[in-house]
Structures are given as structure tokens and as C-alpha cells.
Amino acid sequence: MEHDASDAGEARYELVISVDARRSGQYGDAEKPRMRERIYRILDTAFAQAGVDRRALYTGDRGDGVLMAVPGRIAVTRLLGLWVVEVHESLREENSSLRVPLGLRIAMHVGPVRHDSNGINGRAVDLACRLADAEVGRRLLDAEGADLVLVVSGSLYHDVVSAGGKFILPERFAPAELNLKEGEFTGWFHLPGRPRPDFSRLGPQDPAEGCEGSEGGRGGLRAEGHDDGPLDDGGPATADEDHDDDPGSARYVAGDDLSVHRDNVYHQPVHIGRTVNSPRRKD
């Protein structure tokens, strides 16, 4: 998507869409190209079916996902409605032939976006990325055995989704208070083709993901929050340091589904290092 030189650096109100793949860190180097091909095929098919020219959008590759900005001349309701339906149907078709189904998390938010020669930036971009990375969405996919979870910001829900429209069913969105890096924010979650999400079915959080859902972490459920408060202009949130329950060991949890590590030994499948399921040992 091209902009006039005179508009360089000017903020525009656009729909930001962040698409992330479930457990992308567990794909090996040989599998990742095929995963990426499927994601782009799914998105391109959905854009074509929804009558949206993808060339009119900004598209940025994120390795395990895609970041997009949709200009204001394209109706947000078309993306929230028909496009999401087509993404879901295309994803289901792809997964019908896969032993391990591809899962996608999609987040949407409307806000001021700045374009430059390197891509897009702004608080609206940050919030969309962090909503897509929220732990609640990850757990919903697993608990419900779903292919796709959509999360929209509080302002987008109240301004657009709540009014309904073609293929937009506000009664099937459920709010969750998310504890993001900068504070508490409301995300509205939807599982296309399914009833309103029931967060009580999520069960206990995986201990390996504890710091990501804890205070200051990445998208844990909280009792109270607010819609779309101030964010800084930094990049997507990363996991904070975890509290160490073993004084004799170092421990961290890396962001973006990478790994859980103690004493330089990995304890879950990762695409780097090695996987160890036996008790610790010295090399």
C-alpha cells in the first residue's frame, strides 16, 4: 500500500489486524515454511471471498504471523464479519488434511497508525499485537479445541461489534480483563462458529506459563480493568522474570511460545536447543 510523500509520518485511523499462529515455536525449520504458506493462503482466500483487495492494505510479515493495517475507506464491518467467517472456513478446510491442525489468534483494534519506510507503528499497533498474544486466547483455543479465536479491543467492540451487522454477532463475544504490560485492558473474545466463550472452562493455568499470566505479564485474566488505556510506543509485550521456586536453579520463560528453561536444559518441545523429559543432568 502506497501513501503520498506529503503524508509521511502522519497518523491515520486504521484497522490494525494481528494474526499469530498457535505454538509456532514448536514448528521445526522444515515445517515453518509450510505453516507460513498456509497462513498466507488462508488470508488471501478470505480477502478474495470478502471482496477486499489485499494490495490496498499494509502487510508486514512477522515470521509466525502477519501484521496488517486496513485503510479507512474499507468498511471495518466487512473485516469483522464476512472476512472473519471466510478465514474460519478456509482454516477449517486446510486443517481437514493436517495431522496437527493449525490454530490462529486474530486481534483487531482501530486507532492512529503511522506509516514509514520500515512499516507501521503507534500505540494502536502495540495494542493489537498484545491482544493477539494474550494468554486467554491461547488457552481458549486449547480448552475448546478450536481452530480460530478472535479478540477485539474494548473500543472496537463498543463502537462497531455491539451494533451487530452481517455475520457480526455481538452476543457471541465475551469480555475478559487482561493484565498487559502497561496495565489492565478489556478484550472481547469470540470463537467463530461457536457459542459465547465460557472462561470458567479454561481450568488451571499451565505452570510453565505462569509468569505470562501473572501481574505485569502477558494477558492473564483479572477481576477488573478498563478499555484501551494508554500504551507506550514500545514493541509487543514480553514475558517478565518469573519467581524462582528453586533457589538452586535459574529459570526463565521466553515469550512467543519458545521455551521453558532451567539450568540450560529445555523442558518442553522447542525449535531450538533440545527437549529433555528426564530428570536434570549435568553435561
C-alpha atoms as a PDB file:
ATOM      1  CA  MET A   1       0.000   0.000   0.000  1.00  0.00           C
ATOM      2  CA  GLU A   2       1.430   3.370  -1.006  1.00  0.00           C
ATOM      3  CA  HIS A   3       0.982   6.780   0.627  1.00  0.00           C
ATOM      4  CA  ASP A   4       1.684  10.270  -0.657  1.00  0.00           C
ATOM      5  CA  ALA A   5       5.065  11.638   0.373  1.00  0.00           C
ATOM      6  CA  SER A   6       3.300  14.642   1.931  1.00  0.00           C
ATOM      7  CA  ASP A   7       1.537  12.281   4.366  1.00  0.00           C
ATOM      8  CA  ALA A   8       4.726  10.640   5.625  1.00  0.00           C
ATOM      9  CA  GLY A   9       4.677  10.324   9.394  1.00  0.00           C
ATOM     10  CA  GLU A  10       1.072  11.485   9.729  1.00  0.00           C
ATOM     11  CA  ALA A  11      -1.186   9.343  11.905  1.00  0.00           C
ATOM     12  CA  ARG A  12      -4.247   7.819  10.238  1.00  0.00           C
ATOM     13  CA  TYR A  13      -7.101   5.994  11.919  1.00  0.00           C
ATOM     14  CA  GLU A  14      -6.920   2.476  10.529  1.00  0.00           C
ATOM     15  CA  LEU A  15      -7.972  -1.019  11.481  1.00  0.00           C
ATOM     16  CA  VAL A  16      -4.942  -2.962  12.718  1.00  0.00           C
ATOM     17  CA  ILE A  17      -5.087  -6.756  12.407  1.00  0.00           C
ATOM     18  CA  SER A  18      -2.548  -9.008  14.081  1.00  0.00           C
ATOM     19  CA  VAL A  19      -2.515 -12.697  13.132  1.00  0.00           C
ATOM     20  CA  ASP A  20      -0.464 -15.221  15.126  1.00  0.00           C
ATOM     21  CA  ALA A  21      -0.072 -18.983  14.805  1.00  0.00           C
ATOM     22  CA  ARG A  22      -0.635 -21.253  17.793  1.00  0.00           C
ATOM     23  CA  ARG A  23       2.557 -22.729  19.284  1.00  0.00           C
ATOM     24  CA  SER A  24       4.649 -21.514  16.394  1.00  0.00           C
ATOM     25  CA  GLY A  25       7.833 -22.174  18.379  1.00  0.00           C
ATOM     26  CA  GLN A  26       7.184 -25.906  18.208  1.00  0.00           C
ATOM     27  CA  TYR A  27       7.396 -25.980  14.417  1.00  0.00           C
ATOM     28  CA  GLY A  28      10.741 -27.156  13.137  1.00  0.00           C
ATOM     29  CA  ASP A  29      12.723 -25.324  10.492  1.00  0.00           C
ATOM     30  CA  ALA A  30      11.424 -27.673   7.788  1.00  0.00           C
ATOM     31  CA  GLU A  31       7.800 -27.210   8.903  1.00  0.00           C
ATOM     32  CA  LYS A  32       7.716 -23.429   9.329  1.00  0.00           C
ATOM     33  CA  PRO A  33       7.733 -22.566   5.604  1.00  0.00           C
ATOM     34  CA  ARG A  34       4.683 -24.793   5.075  1.00  0.00           C
ATOM     35  CA  MET A  35       2.946 -23.220   8.081  1.00  0.00           C
ATOM     36  CA  ARG A  36       3.611 -19.750   6.672  1.00  0.00           C
ATOM     37  CA  GLU A  37       2.332 -20.751   3.242  1.00  0.00           C
ATOM     38  CA  ARG A  38      -0.911 -21.970   4.820  1.00  0.00           C
ATOM     39  CA  ILE A  39      -1.397 -18.743   6.779  1.00  0.00           C
ATOM     40  CA  TYR A  40      -0.988 -16.572   3.674  1.00  0.00           C
ATOM     41  CA  ARG A  41      -3.167 -18.898   1.592  1.00  0.00           C
ATOM     42  CA  ILE A  42      -5.915 -18.709   4.227  1.00  0.00           C
ATOM     43  CA  LEU A  43      -5.746 -14.919   4.465  1.00  0.00           C
ATOM     44  CA  ASP A  44      -5.587 -14.394   0.695  1.00  0.00           C
ATOM     45  CA  THR A  45      -8.569 -16.687   0.129  1.00  0.00           C
ATOM     46  CA  ALA A  46     -10.570 -14.833   2.784  1.00  0.00           C
ATOM     47  CA  PHE A  47      -9.741 -11.423   1.310  1.00  0.00           C
ATOM     48  CA  ALA A  48     -10.775 -12.586  -2.147  1.00  0.00           C
ATOM     49  CA  GLN A  49     -14.063 -14.045  -0.870  1.00  0.00           C
ATOM     50  CA  ALA A  50     -14.778 -10.878   1.129  1.00  0.00           C
ATOM     51  CA  GLY A  51     -14.118  -8.655  -1.884  1.00  0.00           C
ATOM     52  CA  VAL A  52     -11.153  -6.874  -0.286  1.00  0.00           C
ATOM     53  CA  ASP A  53      -8.099  -6.160  -2.427  1.00  0.00           C
ATOM     54  CA  ARG A  54      -5.129  -7.099  -0.226  1.00  0.00           C
ATOM     55  CA  ARG A  55      -2.934  -4.771  -2.263  1.00  0.00           C
ATOM     56  CA  ALA A  56      -4.817  -1.880  -0.648  1.00  0.00           C
ATOM     57  CA  LEU A  57      -3.614  -2.985   2.802  1.00  0.00           C
ATOM     58  CA  TYR A  58      -0.287  -2.655   4.541  1.00  0.00           C
ATOM     59  CA  THR A  59       1.039  -6.172   5.180  1.00  0.00           C
ATOM     60  CA  GLY A  60       4.054  -6.930   7.355  1.00  0.00           C
ATOM     61  CA  ASP A  61       5.459 -10.407   7.820  1.00  0.00           C
ATOM     62  CA  ARG A  62       6.144 -11.469  11.436  1.00  0.00           C
ATOM     63  CA  GLY A  63       7.628 -14.909  10.840  1.00  0.00           C
ATOM     64  CA  ASP A  64       4.876 -16.799  12.649  1.00  0.00           C
ATOM     65  CA  GLY A  65       2.132 -14.400  11.682  1.00  0.00           C
ATOM     66  CA  VAL A  66       1.085 -11.282   9.811  1.00  0.00           C
ATOM     67  CA  LEU A  67       0.504  -7.662  10.815  1.00  0.00           C
ATOM     68  CA  MET A  68      -1.895  -5.647   8.672  1.00  0.00           C
ATOM     69  CA  ALA A  69      -3.314  -2.123   8.552  1.00  0.00           C
ATOM     70  CA  VAL A  70      -6.572  -1.539   6.688  1.00  0.00           C
ATOM     71  CA  PRO A  71      -7.266   1.966   5.296  1.00  0.00           C
ATOM     72  CA  GLY A  72     -10.400   3.753   6.408  1.00  0.00           C
ATOM     73  CA  ARG A  73     -12.085   3.531   3.008  1.00  0.00           C
ATOM     74  CA  ILE A  74     -12.602  -0.213   3.591  1.00  0.00           C
ATOM     75  CA  ALA A  75     -15.505  -0.869   5.947  1.00  0.00           C
ATOM     76  CA  VAL A  76     -14.442  -2.313   9.302  1.00  0.00           C
ATOM     77  CA  THR A  77     -17.667  -4.334   9.379  1.00  0.00           C
ATOM     78  CA  ARG A  78     -16.580  -6.216   6.260  1.00  0.00           C
ATOM     79  CA  LEU A  79     -13.432  -7.392   8.023  1.00  0.00           C
ATOM     80  CA  LEU A  80     -15.177  -8.165  11.325  1.00  0.00           C
ATOM     81  CA  GLY A  81     -17.978 -10.002   9.572  1.00  0.00           C
ATOM     82  CA  LEU A  82     -17.511 -11.683   6.215  1.00  0.00           C
ATOM     83  CA  TRP A  83     -13.698 -11.734   6.290  1.00  0.00           C
ATOM     84  CA  VAL A  84     -13.543 -13.479   9.685  1.00  0.00           C
ATOM     85  CA  VAL A  85     -16.114 -16.028   8.503  1.00  0.00           C
ATOM     86  CA  GLU A  86     -14.060 -16.743   5.381  1.00  0.00           C
ATOM     87  CA  VAL A  87     -10.821 -17.029   7.389  1.00  0.00           C
ATOM     88  CA  HIS A  88     -12.516 -19.596   9.618  1.00  0.00           C
ATOM     89  CA  GLU A  89     -13.884 -21.617   6.712  1.00  0.00           C
ATOM     90  CA  SER A  90     -10.572 -21.551   4.844  1.00  0.00           C
ATOM     91  CA  LEU A  91      -8.719 -22.567   8.014  1.00  0.00           C
ATOM     92  CA  ARG A  92     -11.081 -25.478   8.606  1.00  0.00           C
ATOM     93  CA  GLU A  93     -10.516 -26.667   5.046  1.00  0.00           C
ATOM     94  CA  GLU A  94      -6.737 -26.511   5.484  1.00  0.00           C
ATOM     95  CA  ASN A  95      -6.912 -28.367   8.801  1.00  0.00           C
ATOM     96  CA  SER A  96      -9.044 -31.182   7.408  1.00  0.00           C
ATOM     97  CA  SER A  97      -5.914 -32.719   5.850  1.00  0.00           C
ATOM     98  CA  LEU A  98      -3.463 -31.969   8.676  1.00  0.00           C
ATOM     99  CA  ARG A  99      -2.481 -34.344  11.460  1.00  0.00           C
ATOM    100  CA  VAL A 100      -1.701 -31.367  13.719  1.00  0.00           C
ATOM    101  CA  PRO A 101      -4.226 -28.608  12.968  1.00  0.00           C
ATOM    102  CA  LEU A 102      -3.108 -25.028  12.531  1.00  0.00           C
ATOM    103  CA  GLY A 103      -4.572 -22.660  15.109  1.00  0.00           C
ATOM    104  CA  LEU A 104      -4.787 -18.897  14.622  1.00  0.00           C
ATOM    105  CA  ARG A 105      -5.249 -15.995  17.009  1.00  0.00           C
ATOM    106  CA  ILE A 106      -6.513 -12.801  15.373  1.00  0.00           C
ATOM    107  CA  ALA A 107      -6.712  -9.433  17.132  1.00  0.00           C
ATOM    108  CA  MET A 108      -8.277  -6.204  15.852  1.00  0.00           C
ATOM    109  CA  HIS A 109      -8.155  -2.614  17.054  1.00  0.00           C
ATOM    110  CA  VAL A 110      -8.822   0.745  15.403  1.00  0.00           C
ATOM    111  CA  GLY A 111      -6.581   3.679  16.217  1.00  0.00           C
ATOM    112  CA  PRO A 112      -3.954   6.097  14.905  1.00  0.00           C
ATOM    113  CA  VAL A 113      -1.299   4.370  12.815  1.00  0.00           C
ATOM    114  CA  ARG A 114       1.855   5.903  11.384  1.00  0.00           C
ATOM    115  CA  HIS A 115       3.497   4.561   8.241  1.00  0.00           C
ATOM    116  CA  ASP A 116       7.162   4.945   7.390  1.00  0.00           C
ATOM    117  CA  SER A 117       9.646   3.267   5.079  1.00  0.00           C
ATOM    118  CA  ASN A 118      10.098   0.398   7.546  1.00  0.00           C
ATOM    119  CA  GLY A 119       6.457  -0.412   8.277  1.00  0.00           C
ATOM    120  CA  ILE A 120       3.828   0.811  10.727  1.00  0.00           C
ATOM    121  CA  ASN A 121       3.964   1.935  14.331  1.00  0.00           C
ATOM    122  CA  GLY A 122       1.915   3.522  17.083  1.00  0.00           C
ATOM    123  CA  ARG A 123       0.004   2.587  20.192  1.00  0.00           C
ATOM    124  CA  ALA A 124      -2.810   1.082  18.140  1.00  0.00           C
ATOM    125  CA  VAL A 125      -0.320  -1.338  16.596  1.00  0.00           C
ATOM    126  CA  ASP A 126       1.085  -2.238  20.014  1.00  0.00           C
ATOM    127  CA  LEU A 127      -2.338  -2.964  21.456  1.00  0.00           C
ATOM    128  CA  ALA A 128      -3.394  -5.165  18.537  1.00  0.00           C
ATOM    129  CA  CYS A 129      -0.206  -7.216  18.853  1.00  0.00           C
ATOM    130  CA  ARG A 130      -0.604  -7.619  22.597  1.00  0.00           C
ATOM    131  CA  LEU A 131      -4.237  -8.635  22.314  1.00  0.00           C
ATOM    132  CA  ALA A 132      -3.268 -11.345  19.813  1.00  0.00           C
ATOM    133  CA  ASP A 133      -0.609 -12.538  22.251  1.00  0.00           C
ATOM    134  CA  ALA A 134      -2.932 -12.617  25.277  1.00  0.00           C
ATOM    135  CA  GLU A 135      -2.757 -15.852  27.246  1.00  0.00           C
ATOM    136  CA  VAL A 136      -6.562 -16.027  27.427  1.00  0.00           C
ATOM    137  CA  GLY A 137      -6.781 -16.513  23.665  1.00  0.00           C
ATOM    138  CA  ARG A 138      -4.160 -19.240  23.735  1.00  0.00           C
ATOM    139  CA  ARG A 139      -5.991 -21.118  26.454  1.00  0.00           C
ATOM    140  CA  LEU A 140      -9.376 -20.725  24.744  1.00  0.00           C
ATOM    141  CA  LEU A 141      -8.040 -22.406  21.608  1.00  0.00           C
ATOM    142  CA  ASP A 142      -6.816 -25.376  23.638  1.00  0.00           C
ATOM    143  CA  ALA A 143      -9.786 -25.676  26.007  1.00  0.00           C
ATOM    144  CA  GLU A 144     -12.355 -25.526  23.207  1.00  0.00           C
ATOM    145  CA  GLY A 145     -10.364 -27.474  20.616  1.00  0.00           C
ATOM    146  CA  ALA A 146     -10.969 -24.540  18.274  1.00  0.00           C
ATOM    147  CA  ASP A 147      -9.192 -23.511  15.083  1.00  0.00           C
ATOM    148  CA  LEU A 148      -9.574 -19.756  15.487  1.00  0.00           C
ATOM    149  CA  VAL A 149     -10.054 -17.176  18.221  1.00  0.00           C
ATOM    150  CA  LEU A 150     -10.794 -13.518  17.518  1.00  0.00           C
ATOM    151  CA  VAL A 151     -10.219 -10.786  20.096  1.00  0.00           C
ATOM    152  CA  VAL A 152     -11.166  -7.153  19.614  1.00  0.00           C
ATOM    153  CA  SER A 153     -10.365  -4.139  21.760  1.00  0.00           C
ATOM    154  CA  GLY A 154     -12.967  -2.679  24.073  1.00  0.00           C
ATOM    155  CA  SER A 155     -13.400   0.431  21.940  1.00  0.00           C
ATOM    156  CA  LEU A 156     -13.849  -1.595  18.740  1.00  0.00           C
ATOM    157  CA  TYR A 157     -16.431  -3.806  20.439  1.00  0.00           C
ATOM    158  CA  HIS A 158     -18.471  -0.879  21.771  1.00  0.00           C
ATOM    159  CA  ASP A 159     -18.169   1.245  18.607  1.00  0.00           C
ATOM    160  CA  VAL A 160     -18.764  -1.452  15.983  1.00  0.00           C
ATOM    161  CA  VAL A 161     -19.357  -5.013  17.183  1.00  0.00           C
ATOM    162  CA  SER A 162     -22.084  -4.173  19.704  1.00  0.00           C
ATOM    163  CA  ALA A 163     -24.261  -2.763  16.897  1.00  0.00           C
ATOM    164  CA  GLY A 164     -24.163  -6.083  15.061  1.00  0.00           C
ATOM    165  CA  GLY A 165     -24.317  -6.466  11.312  1.00  0.00           C
ATOM    166  CA  LYS A 166     -23.906  -9.081   8.627  1.00  0.00           C
ATOM    167  CA  PHE A 167     -22.029 -12.036  10.163  1.00  0.00           C
ATOM    168  CA  ILE A 168     -21.325  -9.953  13.314  1.00  0.00           C
ATOM    169  CA  LEU A 169     -22.955 -11.477  16.389  1.00  0.00           C
ATOM    170  CA  PRO A 170     -22.198  -9.370  19.491  1.00  0.00           C
ATOM    171  CA  GLU A 171     -23.924 -11.874  21.784  1.00  0.00           C
ATOM    172  CA  ARG A 172     -21.168 -14.380  20.950  1.00  0.00           C
ATOM    173  CA  PHE A 173     -18.375 -12.131  22.255  1.00  0.00           C
ATOM    174  CA  ALA A 174     -17.300 -12.356  25.887  1.00  0.00           C
ATOM    175  CA  PRO A 175     -15.151  -9.796  27.757  1.00  0.00           C
ATOM    176  CA  ALA A 176     -12.019 -10.638  29.704  1.00  0.00           C
ATOM    177  CA  GLU A 177      -9.912  -8.235  31.724  1.00  0.00           C
ATOM    178  CA  LEU A 178      -6.325  -8.627  30.561  1.00  0.00           C
ATOM    179  CA  ASN A 179      -3.285  -7.672  32.564  1.00  0.00           C
ATOM    180  CA  LEU A 180      -0.960  -6.397  29.855  1.00  0.00           C
ATOM    181  CA  LYS A 181       2.455  -4.870  30.323  1.00  0.00           C
ATOM    182  CA  GLU A 182       1.144  -1.330  30.721  1.00  0.00           C
ATOM    183  CA  GLY A 183      -1.942  -2.112  32.799  1.00  0.00           C
ATOM    184  CA  GLU A 184      -5.353  -3.732  32.666  1.00  0.00           C
ATOM    185  CA  PHE A 185      -7.380  -3.678  29.448  1.00  0.00           C
ATOM    186  CA  THR A 186     -10.581  -5.309  28.243  1.00  0.00           C
ATOM    187  CA  GLY A 187     -10.505  -7.728  25.340  1.00  0.00           C
ATOM    188  CA  TRP A 188     -13.653  -9.167  23.785  1.00  0.00           C
ATOM    189  CA  PHE A 189     -13.172 -12.775  22.660  1.00  0.00           C
ATOM    190  CA  HIS A 190     -15.077 -14.708  20.016  1.00  0.00           C
ATOM    191  CA  LEU A 191     -14.785 -18.275  18.713  1.00  0.00           C
ATOM    192  CA  PRO A 192     -16.254 -18.244  15.172  1.00  0.00           C
ATOM    193  CA  GLY A 193     -18.946 -20.871  14.696  1.00  0.00           C
ATOM    194  CA  ARG A 194     -19.248 -21.486  18.450  1.00  0.00           C
ATOM    195  CA  PRO A 195     -21.282 -20.147  21.375  1.00  0.00           C
ATOM    196  CA  ARG A 196     -20.116 -17.298  23.585  1.00  0.00           C
ATOM    197  CA  PRO A 197     -16.796 -18.258  25.223  1.00  0.00           C
ATOM    198  CA  ASP A 198     -17.053 -19.592  28.765  1.00  0.00           C
ATOM    199  CA  PHE A 199     -13.870 -18.649  30.604  1.00  0.00           C
ATOM    200  CA  SER A 200     -14.775 -20.879  33.545  1.00  0.00           C
ATOM    201  CA  ARG A 201     -13.906 -23.859  31.341  1.00  0.00           C
ATOM    202  CA  LEU A 202     -10.303 -22.809  30.923  1.00  0.00           C
ATOM    203  CA  GLY A 203      -9.192 -24.628  34.065  1.00  0.00           C
ATOM    204  CA  PRO A 204      -5.927 -24.032  35.895  1.00  0.00           C
ATOM    205  CA  GLN A 205      -3.159 -22.287  34.041  1.00  0.00           C
ATOM    206  CA  ASP A 206      -0.151 -24.296  32.899  1.00  0.00           C
ATOM    207  CA  PRO A 207       2.647 -23.725  35.464  1.00  0.00           C
ATOM    208  CA  ALA A 208       5.057 -23.278  32.556  1.00  0.00           C
ATOM    209  CA  GLU A 209       3.036 -20.231  31.518  1.00  0.00           C
ATOM    210  CA  GLY A 210       2.583 -18.777  34.976  1.00  0.00           C
ATOM    211  CA  CYS A 211       4.637 -15.628  34.585  1.00  0.00           C
ATOM    212  CA  GLU A 212       2.920 -14.742  31.313  1.00  0.00           C
ATOM    213  CA  GLY A 213      -0.459 -14.571  33.012  1.00  0.00           C
ATOM    214  CA  SER A 214       0.760 -13.052  36.274  1.00  0.00           C
ATOM    215  CA  GLU A 215       0.869  -9.413  37.218  1.00  0.00           C
ATOM    216  CA  GLY A 216       2.836  -7.458  34.653  1.00  0.00           C
ATOM    217  CA  GLY A 217       2.863 -10.458  32.340  1.00  0.00           C
ATOM    218  CA  ARG A 218       1.088 -11.373  29.147  1.00  0.00           C
ATOM    219  CA  GLY A 219      -2.664 -11.431  29.120  1.00  0.00           C
ATOM    220  CA  GLY A 220      -3.735 -13.152  32.353  1.00  0.00           C
ATOM    221  CA  LEU A 221      -7.368 -12.921  33.477  1.00  0.00           C
ATOM    222  CA  ARG A 222      -8.017 -10.184  36.021  1.00  0.00           C
ATOM    223  CA  ALA A 223     -11.068  -9.174  38.026  1.00  0.00           C
ATOM    224  CA  GLU A 224     -11.267  -5.564  36.900  1.00  0.00           C
ATOM    225  CA  GLY A 225      -9.890  -3.443  34.076  1.00  0.00           C
ATOM    226  CA  HIS A 226     -10.559  -0.688  31.585  1.00  0.00           C
ATOM    227  CA  ASP A 227     -10.902  -0.337  27.851  1.00  0.00           C
ATOM    228  CA  ASP A 228      -7.908   0.637  25.748  1.00  0.00           C
ATOM    229  CA  GLY A 229      -5.986   2.782  28.197  1.00  0.00           C
ATOM    230  CA  PRO A 230      -2.630   4.381  27.382  1.00  0.00           C
ATOM    231  CA  LEU A 231       0.119   2.263  25.946  1.00  0.00           C
ATOM    232  CA  ASP A 232       3.696   3.275  25.359  1.00  0.00           C
ATOM    233  CA  ASP A 233       5.200   3.187  21.883  1.00  0.00           C
ATOM    234  CA  GLY A 234       7.311   0.120  22.545  1.00  0.00           C
ATOM    235  CA  GLY A 235       7.086  -3.225  20.783  1.00  0.00           C
ATOM    236  CA  PRO A 236       4.941  -6.205  21.706  1.00  0.00           C
ATOM    237  CA  ALA A 237       4.967  -7.240  25.331  1.00  0.00           C
ATOM    238  CA  THR A 238       7.500  -9.784  26.506  1.00  0.00           C
ATOM    239  CA  ALA A 239       7.354 -12.078  29.497  1.00  0.00           C
ATOM    240  CA  ASP A 240       8.728 -10.699  32.742  1.00  0.00           C
ATOM    241  CA  GLU A 241      11.074 -12.606  35.028  1.00  0.00           C
ATOM    242  CA  ASP A 242       9.433 -15.469  36.849  1.00  0.00           C
ATOM    243  CA  HIS A 243       9.606 -16.011  40.591  1.00  0.00           C
ATOM    244  CA  ASP A 244      12.043 -18.833  41.255  1.00  0.00           C
ATOM    245  CA  ASP A 245      10.658 -21.617  43.430  1.00  0.00           C
ATOM    246  CA  ASP A 246      14.013 -23.413  43.484  1.00  0.00           C
ATOM    247  CA  PRO A 247      16.819 -21.296  44.989  1.00  0.00           C
ATOM    248  CA  GLY A 248      19.407 -23.527  43.368  1.00  0.00           C
ATOM    249  CA  SER A 249      18.333 -23.032  39.784  1.00  0.00           C
ATOM    250  CA  ALA A 250      17.990 -20.254  37.266  1.00  0.00           C
ATOM    251  CA  ARG A 251      14.677 -20.109  35.440  1.00  0.00           C
ATOM    252  CA  TYR A 252      13.040 -18.032  32.736  1.00  0.00           C
ATOM    253  CA  VAL A 253      10.085 -18.281  30.391  1.00  0.00           C
ATOM    254  CA  ALA A 254      10.734 -16.882  26.918  1.00  0.00           C
ATOM    255  CA  GLY A 255       7.989 -15.088  25.031  1.00  0.00           C
ATOM    256  CA  ASP A 256       6.246 -16.235  21.855  1.00  0.00           C
ATOM    257  CA  ASP A 257       5.937 -19.934  22.733  1.00  0.00           C
ATOM    258  CA  LEU A 258       9.671 -20.537  22.691  1.00  0.00           C
ATOM    259  CA  SER A 259      10.764 -22.472  25.732  1.00  0.00           C
ATOM    260  CA  VAL A 260      10.882 -23.199  29.425  1.00  0.00           C
ATOM    261  CA  HIS A 261      14.414 -23.475  30.737  1.00  0.00           C
ATOM    262  CA  ARG A 262      16.215 -24.477  33.922  1.00  0.00           C
ATOM    263  CA  ASP A 263      19.999 -24.717  34.215  1.00  0.00           C
ATOM    264  CA  ASN A 264      20.370 -24.521  30.429  1.00  0.00           C
ATOM    265  CA  VAL A 265      18.138 -27.594  29.919  1.00  0.00           C
ATOM    266  CA  TYR A 266      14.870 -27.213  27.986  1.00  0.00           C
ATOM    267  CA  HIS A 267      11.780 -28.870  29.431  1.00  0.00           C
ATOM    268  CA  GLN A 268       9.247 -28.731  26.610  1.00  0.00           C
ATOM    269  CA  PRO A 269       9.374 -29.125  22.808  1.00  0.00           C
ATOM    270  CA  VAL A 270      11.108 -26.193  21.186  1.00  0.00           C
ATOM    271  CA  HIS A 271      12.512 -25.424  17.758  1.00  0.00           C
ATOM    272  CA  ILE A 272      15.937 -24.564  19.165  1.00  0.00           C
ATOM    273  CA  GLY A 273      18.099 -26.431  21.647  1.00  0.00           C
ATOM    274  CA  ARG A 274      16.944 -29.868  22.704  1.00  0.00           C
ATOM    275  CA  THR A 275      13.979 -31.398  24.510  1.00  0.00           C
ATOM    276  CA  VAL A 276      14.617 -33.168  27.795  1.00  0.00           C
ATOM    277  CA  ASN A 277      11.889 -35.071  29.611  1.00  0.00           C
ATOM    278  CA  SER A 278      14.101 -36.917  32.055  1.00  0.00           C
ATOM    279  CA  PRO A 279      15.439 -35.563  35.390  1.00  0.00           C
ATOM    280  CA  ARG A 280      18.138 -32.931  35.236  1.00  0.00           C
ATOM    281  CA  ARG A 281      21.630 -33.997  34.431  1.00  0.00           C
ATOM    282  CA  LYS A 282      24.949 -32.318  34.012  1.00  0.00           C
ATOM    283  CA  ASP A 283      26.532 -32.155  30.552  1.00  0.00           C
END
